[in-house]
Amino acid sequence: QLQLVESGGGLVQAGGSLLLSCAASGRTMYGINWHRHAPGREREFVSSISKTGENTRYADYILDRFTNYRDNAKNTVYLQMNDLRPDDAAIYYCKVDSRDLWGEGSQVTVST
């Protein structure tokens, strides 16, 4: 059964960086989306990557601060987040594209 296992969240100072990972079980590659959900706010799209890694898309507010990439030998997708801001604080979830299958979420906290 397909599962997504996330890791890499944590506490960082404003301006710092974090790397999130999302590992899929099995050998089948899937397009993966990242979403985030902060308290009091709607869940929002962050980024997507195709199953080959050739195509990526980012929400406008990312402003080139995040990079979404994958290592298909490990069936793992990564979200490198740089220049983090307090309003980036949220639980970040990876999700299989076009399926209702989500990772457990990674807490990202940004201190001022």
Protein backbone atom coordinates (compact mmCIF):
# COMPACT_ATOMS: atom_id res chain seq x y z
CA GLN A 1 0.00 0.00 0.00
CA LEU A 2 1.37 3.38 -0.99
CA GLN A 3 2.49 5.58 1.87
CA LEU A 4 4.21 8.94 2.12
CA VAL A 5 6.64 9.50 4.99
CA GLU A 6 7.72 13.04 5.72
CA SER A 7 10.68 14.36 7.66
CA GLY A 8 12.72 17.51 8.13
CA GLY A 9 10.48 20.01 9.87
CA GLY A 10 11.67 22.00 12.85
CA LEU A 11 12.38 25.40 14.36
CA VAL A 12 14.43 27.96 12.49
CA GLN A 13 15.12 31.65 12.83
CA ALA A 14 13.73 34.05 10.26
CA GLY A 15 16.03 34.05 7.24
CA GLY A 16 17.09 30.48 7.87
CA SER A 17 16.58 27.30 5.85
CA LEU A 18 14.97 23.92 6.20
CA LEU A 19 14.83 20.86 3.98
CA LEU A 20 11.66 18.77 3.98
CA SER A 21 11.56 15.31 2.49
CA CYS A 22 8.69 13.10 1.39
CA ALA A 23 9.52 9.45 0.76
CA ALA A 24 7.07 7.24 -1.11
CA SER A 25 6.90 3.53 -0.52
CA GLY A 26 7.26 1.20 -3.49
CA ARG A 27 8.86 1.85 -6.84
CA THR A 28 6.12 3.66 -8.74
CA MET A 29 6.80 7.34 -9.29
CA TYR A 30 4.06 9.87 -8.72
CA GLY A 31 3.71 13.56 -9.14
CA ILE A 32 3.87 15.13 -5.68
CA ASN A 33 2.32 18.33 -4.39
CA TRP A 34 3.26 20.27 -1.27
CA HIS A 35 0.61 22.13 0.71
CA ARG A 36 0.74 23.94 4.01
CA HIS A 37 -1.75 24.74 6.71
CA ALA A 38 -1.27 27.40 9.36
CA PRO A 39 -3.64 27.97 12.30
CA GLY A 40 -6.47 30.31 11.38
CA ARG A 41 -5.69 30.14 7.69
CA GLU A 42 -6.89 28.08 4.77
CA ARG A 43 -4.73 25.23 3.57
CA GLU A 44 -2.73 26.50 0.62
CA PHE A 45 -0.76 25.11 -2.27
CA VAL A 46 3.01 25.50 -2.07
CA SER A 47 4.56 23.60 -4.96
CA SER A 48 4.25 20.61 -7.26
CA ILE A 49 6.68 18.38 -9.11
CA SER A 50 6.03 15.91 -11.91
CA LYS A 51 6.95 12.25 -11.52
CA THR A 52 10.03 12.73 -13.69
CA GLY A 53 11.05 15.95 -11.94
CA GLU A 54 11.11 17.85 -15.23
CA ASN A 55 8.21 20.10 -14.35
CA THR A 56 7.77 22.10 -11.19
CA ARG A 57 5.32 24.78 -10.19
CA TYR A 58 5.30 27.18 -7.26
CA ALA A 59 2.80 29.43 -5.56
CA ASP A 60 3.40 33.10 -6.32
CA TYR A 61 4.23 33.95 -2.72
CA ILE A 62 7.26 31.63 -2.77
CA LEU A 63 9.23 34.25 -4.73
CA ASP A 64 12.06 31.86 -5.64
CA ARG A 65 12.80 31.03 -2.01
CA PHE A 66 11.84 27.35 -2.24
CA THR A 67 13.11 24.60 -4.53
CA ASN A 68 11.17 21.41 -5.18
CA TYR A 69 13.23 18.50 -6.49
CA ARG A 70 13.34 14.73 -6.37
CA ASP A 71 15.65 11.76 -6.27
CA ASN A 72 13.85 8.96 -8.10
CA ALA A 73 16.46 6.41 -7.09
CA LYS A 74 15.16 6.94 -3.56
CA ASN A 75 11.59 7.71 -4.62
CA THR A 76 11.85 10.84 -2.49
CA VAL A 77 10.80 14.42 -3.09
CA TYR A 78 12.46 17.33 -1.32
CA LEU A 79 11.40 20.88 -0.57
CA GLN A 80 14.36 23.14 0.12
CA MET A 81 13.09 26.25 1.87
CA ASN A 82 15.37 29.28 2.15
CA ASP A 83 14.90 32.75 3.57
CA LEU A 84 12.08 31.53 5.77
CA ARG A 85 9.71 34.12 7.17
CA PRO A 86 7.39 34.00 10.17
CA ASP A 87 4.39 33.69 7.88
CA ASP A 88 5.89 30.51 6.38
CA ALA A 89 5.25 28.78 9.70
CA ALA A 90 2.75 25.98 9.16
CA ILE A 91 2.37 22.24 8.92
CA TYR A 92 3.64 21.19 5.52
CA TYR A 93 2.10 18.19 3.82
CA CYS A 94 3.11 16.28 0.75
CA LYS A 95 0.39 14.69 -1.33
CA VAL A 96 0.21 12.38 -4.32
CA ASP A 97 -0.98 14.37 -7.32
CA SER A 98 -4.58 13.60 -8.31
CA ARG A 99 -5.06 11.25 -5.35
CA ASP A 100 -6.27 11.81 -1.82
CA LEU A 101 -3.11 10.41 -0.27
CA TRP A 102 -1.19 12.62 2.14
CA GLY A 103 1.92 12.50 4.26
CA GLU A 104 1.55 12.95 8.01
CA GLY A 105 2.78 16.54 7.91
CA SER A 106 5.93 18.33 9.06
CA GLN A 107 5.77 21.22 11.50
CA VAL A 108 7.76 24.27 10.42
CA THR A 109 8.21 27.00 13.03
CA VAL A 110 9.94 30.28 12.21
CA SER A 111 11.07 32.54 15.04
CA THR A 112 11.76 36.27 14.80
